[in-house]
Amino acid sequence: MTDDDLVAKYAAEAKKSIEEEAQKRVEEVIDPIYEAKLRANSLFVMLDSEDLVPALLARLGSVRAALDGHGGGIKVDSYQSLSNEGSQSLDFVLDLTGACLSCGAAPGTLDGIKADLESDKEISNVRFSSNLLDTFDELGREFILAHGNVEFV
């Protein structure tokens, strides 16, 4: 086994362990029946309801544990319904709330939110409000713009 193989093996084991722990932590604080209902319903049905943000949260993977565990959340700044060859999808502009603002882990959190939500067939694009950048100092802004792998509008 090469060094690269060993690193890949440990990385895969660590990722699996982190995902399992995150799932346990999320399950401690959610109502599984309500969460299943949110995941089963179309986002288009919930667009103008108070269930939209919980439905988006229900679609998150391990990043949800970081949001819930650190007192943060997401807010929908805007959305747009897009049509492409007979199918519809959603383009969201989101913001972070609570303790997630100006957190040093925000670049990873934003990237995780984007990846998880864009894996949903009804969501074509997730971007973030440029207002979020104002919560960071200059160094934090530079870091998140360079390493966040997300778009701000």
C-alpha atoms as a PDB file:
ATOM      1  CA  MET A   1       0.000   0.000   0.000  1.00  0.00           C
ATOM      2  CA  THR A   2       1.403   3.385  -1.019  1.00  0.00           C
ATOM      3  CA  ASP A   3       1.363   6.490   1.150  1.00  0.00           C
ATOM      4  CA  ASP A   4      -1.335   7.972  -1.096  1.00  0.00           C
ATOM      5  CA  ASP A   5      -3.467   4.840  -0.692  1.00  0.00           C
ATOM      6  CA  LEU A   6      -3.097   5.007   3.079  1.00  0.00           C
ATOM      7  CA  VAL A   7      -4.040   8.698   3.160  1.00  0.00           C
ATOM      8  CA  ALA A   8      -7.095   7.995   0.971  1.00  0.00           C
ATOM      9  CA  LYS A   9      -8.132   5.108   3.211  1.00  0.00           C
ATOM     10  CA  TYR A  10      -7.888   7.195   6.391  1.00  0.00           C
ATOM     11  CA  ALA A  11      -9.675  10.110   4.704  1.00  0.00           C
ATOM     12  CA  ALA A  12     -12.555   7.826   3.699  1.00  0.00           C
ATOM     13  CA  GLU A  13     -12.777   6.381   7.217  1.00  0.00           C
ATOM     14  CA  ALA A  14     -12.720   9.859   8.770  1.00  0.00           C
ATOM     15  CA  LYS A  15     -15.398  11.118   6.363  1.00  0.00           C
ATOM     16  CA  LYS A  16     -17.641   8.154   7.183  1.00  0.00           C
ATOM     17  CA  SER A  17     -17.138   8.675  10.917  1.00  0.00           C
ATOM     18  CA  ILE A  18     -17.884  12.405  10.663  1.00  0.00           C
ATOM     19  CA  GLU A  19     -21.050  11.772   8.641  1.00  0.00           C
ATOM     20  CA  GLU A  20     -22.268   9.148  11.126  1.00  0.00           C
ATOM     21  CA  GLU A  21     -21.631  11.448  14.096  1.00  0.00           C
ATOM     22  CA  ALA A  22     -23.309  14.370  12.322  1.00  0.00           C
ATOM     23  CA  GLN A  23     -26.361  12.232  11.572  1.00  0.00           C
ATOM     24  CA  LYS A  24     -26.590  11.152  15.226  1.00  0.00           C
ATOM     25  CA  ARG A  25     -26.408  14.757  16.406  1.00  0.00           C
ATOM     26  CA  VAL A  26     -29.079  15.901  13.955  1.00  0.00           C
ATOM     27  CA  GLU A  27     -31.371  13.015  14.913  1.00  0.00           C
ATOM     28  CA  GLU A  28     -31.171  14.116  18.565  1.00  0.00           C
ATOM     29  CA  VAL A  29     -32.830  17.453  17.805  1.00  0.00           C
ATOM     30  CA  ILE A  30     -35.250  16.829  14.947  1.00  0.00           C
ATOM     31  CA  ASP A  31     -38.719  15.348  14.607  1.00  0.00           C
ATOM     32  CA  PRO A  32     -38.083  12.528  12.105  1.00  0.00           C
ATOM     33  CA  ILE A  33     -41.707  12.384  10.939  1.00  0.00           C
ATOM     34  CA  TYR A  34     -41.805  16.117  10.216  1.00  0.00           C
ATOM     35  CA  GLU A  35     -38.397  15.966   8.503  1.00  0.00           C
ATOM     36  CA  ALA A  36     -39.514  13.068   6.285  1.00  0.00           C
ATOM     37  CA  LYS A  37     -42.649  15.015   5.345  1.00  0.00           C
ATOM     38  CA  LEU A  38     -40.546  18.053   4.443  1.00  0.00           C
ATOM     39  CA  ARG A  39     -38.196  15.987   2.271  1.00  0.00           C
ATOM     40  CA  ALA A  40     -41.126  14.248   0.546  1.00  0.00           C
ATOM     41  CA  ASN A  41     -42.915  17.466  -0.420  1.00  0.00           C
ATOM     42  CA  SER A  42     -41.973  19.532  -3.423  1.00  0.00           C
ATOM     43  CA  LEU A  43     -40.174  22.756  -2.622  1.00  0.00           C
ATOM     44  CA  PHE A  44     -42.438  24.473  -5.139  1.00  0.00           C
ATOM     45  CA  VAL A  45     -45.408  23.788  -2.847  1.00  0.00           C
ATOM     46  CA  MET A  46     -43.594  25.359   0.112  1.00  0.00           C
ATOM     47  CA  LEU A  47     -42.120  28.439  -1.574  1.00  0.00           C
ATOM     48  CA  ASP A  48     -44.308  30.979   0.182  1.00  0.00           C
ATOM     49  CA  SER A  49     -44.802  29.085   3.416  1.00  0.00           C
ATOM     50  CA  GLU A  50     -43.043  29.005   6.761  1.00  0.00           C
ATOM     51  CA  ASP A  51     -41.957  25.456   5.883  1.00  0.00           C
ATOM     52  CA  LEU A  52     -39.505  26.557   3.180  1.00  0.00           C
ATOM     53  CA  VAL A  53     -36.443  27.030   5.414  1.00  0.00           C
ATOM     54  CA  PRO A  54     -37.151  23.834   7.429  1.00  0.00           C
ATOM     55  CA  ALA A  55     -37.543  21.995   4.093  1.00  0.00           C
ATOM     56  CA  LEU A  56     -34.175  23.284   2.926  1.00  0.00           C
ATOM     57  CA  LEU A  57     -32.594  22.310   6.248  1.00  0.00           C
ATOM     58  CA  ALA A  58     -34.116  18.838   5.924  1.00  0.00           C
ATOM     59  CA  ARG A  59     -32.264  18.444   2.626  1.00  0.00           C
ATOM     60  CA  LEU A  60     -28.853  19.136   4.172  1.00  0.00           C
ATOM     61  CA  GLY A  61     -26.357  16.417   5.015  1.00  0.00           C
ATOM     62  CA  SER A  62     -23.649  16.581   7.662  1.00  0.00           C
ATOM     63  CA  VAL A  63     -23.395  20.393   7.446  1.00  0.00           C
ATOM     64  CA  ARG A  64     -26.781  20.453   9.188  1.00  0.00           C
ATOM     65  CA  ALA A  65     -25.116  19.260  12.396  1.00  0.00           C
ATOM     66  CA  ALA A  66     -22.755  22.239  12.306  1.00  0.00           C
ATOM     67  CA  LEU A  67     -25.620  24.671  11.759  1.00  0.00           C
ATOM     68  CA  ASP A  68     -27.812  23.183  14.476  1.00  0.00           C
ATOM     69  CA  GLY A  69     -24.982  22.541  16.901  1.00  0.00           C
ATOM     70  CA  HIS A  70     -23.519  26.015  16.672  1.00  0.00           C
ATOM     71  CA  GLY A  71     -26.732  28.017  16.831  1.00  0.00           C
ATOM     72  CA  GLY A  72     -26.815  29.010  13.196  1.00  0.00           C
ATOM     73  CA  GLY A  73     -29.236  28.687  10.360  1.00  0.00           C
ATOM     74  CA  ILE A  74     -30.132  29.823   6.887  1.00  0.00           C
ATOM     75  CA  LYS A  75     -32.462  32.476   5.537  1.00  0.00           C
ATOM     76  CA  VAL A  76     -33.871  32.693   2.031  1.00  0.00           C
ATOM     77  CA  ASP A  77     -33.120  36.149   0.642  1.00  0.00           C
ATOM     78  CA  SER A  78     -34.710  35.419  -2.725  1.00  0.00           C
ATOM     79  CA  TYR A  79     -35.531  32.675  -5.152  1.00  0.00           C
ATOM     80  CA  GLN A  80     -36.334  32.350  -8.799  1.00  0.00           C
ATOM     81  CA  SER A  81     -38.226  29.595 -10.552  1.00  0.00           C
ATOM     82  CA  LEU A  82     -36.493  28.549 -13.763  1.00  0.00           C
ATOM     83  CA  SER A  83     -37.928  26.564 -16.678  1.00  0.00           C
ATOM     84  CA  ASN A  84     -35.731  24.468 -18.914  1.00  0.00           C
ATOM     85  CA  GLU A  85     -37.166  22.133 -21.546  1.00  0.00           C
ATOM     86  CA  GLY A  86     -40.374  21.517 -19.638  1.00  0.00           C
ATOM     87  CA  SER A  87     -38.826  21.005 -16.211  1.00  0.00           C
ATOM     88  CA  GLN A  88     -38.710  23.547 -13.425  1.00  0.00           C
ATOM     89  CA  SER A  89     -35.981  24.210 -10.917  1.00  0.00           C
ATOM     90  CA  LEU A  90     -35.179  26.780  -8.281  1.00  0.00           C
ATOM     91  CA  ASP A  91     -32.344  29.265  -7.976  1.00  0.00           C
ATOM     92  CA  PHE A  92     -31.877  30.406  -4.363  1.00  0.00           C
ATOM     93  CA  VAL A  93     -29.977  33.285  -2.800  1.00  0.00           C
ATOM     94  CA  LEU A  94     -29.394  32.407   0.849  1.00  0.00           C
ATOM     95  CA  ASP A  95     -27.915  34.064   3.893  1.00  0.00           C
ATOM     96  CA  LEU A  96     -26.592  32.628   7.154  1.00  0.00           C
ATOM     97  CA  THR A  97     -28.177  33.503  10.478  1.00  0.00           C
ATOM     98  CA  GLY A  98     -27.244  33.291  14.139  1.00  0.00           C
ATOM     99  CA  ALA A  99     -23.824  32.180  15.243  1.00  0.00           C
ATOM    100  CA  CYS A 100     -22.833  31.222  11.698  1.00  0.00           C
ATOM    101  CA  LEU A 101     -22.245  34.873  10.881  1.00  0.00           C
ATOM    102  CA  SER A 102     -18.528  35.649  10.797  1.00  0.00           C
ATOM    103  CA  CYS A 103     -17.580  32.126  11.894  1.00  0.00           C
ATOM    104  CA  GLY A 104     -14.166  30.941  10.781  1.00  0.00           C
ATOM    105  CA  ALA A 105     -15.747  27.756   9.436  1.00  0.00           C
ATOM    106  CA  ALA A 106     -18.189  29.674   7.231  1.00  0.00           C
ATOM    107  CA  PRO A 107     -16.425  28.855   3.928  1.00  0.00           C
ATOM    108  CA  GLY A 108     -16.872  25.132   4.569  1.00  0.00           C
ATOM    109  CA  THR A 109     -20.409  25.657   5.812  1.00  0.00           C
ATOM    110  CA  LEU A 110     -21.377  27.629   2.707  1.00  0.00           C
ATOM    111  CA  ASP A 111     -19.781  25.060   0.426  1.00  0.00           C
ATOM    112  CA  GLY A 112     -21.572  22.219   2.260  1.00  0.00           C
ATOM    113  CA  ILE A 113     -24.943  23.974   2.060  1.00  0.00           C
ATOM    114  CA  LYS A 114     -24.483  24.642  -1.651  1.00  0.00           C
ATOM    115  CA  ALA A 115     -23.399  21.073  -2.445  1.00  0.00           C
ATOM    116  CA  ASP A 116     -26.171  19.453  -0.405  1.00  0.00           C
ATOM    117  CA  LEU A 117     -28.949  21.641  -1.747  1.00  0.00           C
ATOM    118  CA  GLU A 118     -27.808  21.479  -5.363  1.00  0.00           C
ATOM    119  CA  SER A 119     -27.954  17.679  -5.145  1.00  0.00           C
ATOM    120  CA  ASP A 120     -31.753  18.044  -4.834  1.00  0.00           C
ATOM    121  CA  LYS A 121     -33.398  17.662  -8.259  1.00  0.00           C
ATOM    122  CA  GLU A 122     -35.575  20.741  -7.706  1.00  0.00           C
ATOM    123  CA  ILE A 123     -32.645  23.079  -6.997  1.00  0.00           C
ATOM    124  CA  SER A 124     -30.425  24.169  -9.864  1.00  0.00           C
ATOM    125  CA  ASN A 125     -28.358  26.857  -8.170  1.00  0.00           C
ATOM    126  CA  VAL A 126     -27.521  28.135  -4.693  1.00  0.00           C
ATOM    127  CA  ARG A 127     -25.786  31.465  -4.231  1.00  0.00           C
ATOM    128  CA  PHE A 128     -25.290  33.606  -1.157  1.00  0.00           C
ATOM    129  CA  SER A 129     -26.159  37.181  -0.309  1.00  0.00           C
ATOM    130  CA  SER A 130     -23.281  39.626  -0.606  1.00  0.00           C
ATOM    131  CA  ASN A 131     -24.541  41.108   2.681  1.00  0.00           C
ATOM    132  CA  LEU A 132     -22.969  38.084   4.330  1.00  0.00           C
ATOM    133  CA  LEU A 133     -19.544  39.377   3.302  1.00  0.00           C
ATOM    134  CA  ASP A 134     -20.117  42.496   5.410  1.00  0.00           C
ATOM    135  CA  THR A 135     -20.120  40.365   8.573  1.00  0.00           C
ATOM    136  CA  PHE A 136     -16.479  39.385   8.031  1.00  0.00           C
ATOM    137  CA  ASP A 137     -13.390  41.471   8.609  1.00  0.00           C
ATOM    138  CA  GLU A 138     -11.124  42.142   5.623  1.00  0.00           C
ATOM    139  CA  LEU A 139      -9.050  39.001   6.122  1.00  0.00           C
ATOM    140  CA  GLY A 140     -12.174  36.863   6.550  1.00  0.00           C
ATOM    141  CA  ARG A 141     -13.712  38.311   3.372  1.00  0.00           C
ATOM    142  CA  GLU A 142     -10.554  37.615   1.397  1.00  0.00           C
ATOM    143  CA  PHE A 143     -10.442  34.065   2.737  1.00  0.00           C
ATOM    144  CA  ILE A 144     -14.085  33.263   2.004  1.00  0.00           C
ATOM    145  CA  LEU A 145     -13.866  34.735  -1.493  1.00  0.00           C
ATOM    146  CA  ALA A 146     -10.706  32.755  -2.233  1.00  0.00           C
ATOM    147  CA  HIS A 147     -11.679  29.445  -0.614  1.00  0.00           C
ATOM    148  CA  GLY A 148     -15.466  29.428  -0.232  1.00  0.00           C
ATOM    149  CA  ASN A 149     -16.220  27.873  -3.658  1.00  0.00           C
ATOM    150  CA  VAL A 150     -19.508  29.786  -3.659  1.00  0.00           C
ATOM    151  CA  GLU A 151     -20.907  32.795  -5.473  1.00  0.00           C
ATOM    152  CA  PHE A 152     -22.091  35.982  -3.770  1.00  0.00           C
ATOM    153  CA  VAL A 153     -24.725  38.259  -5.310  1.00  0.00           C
END
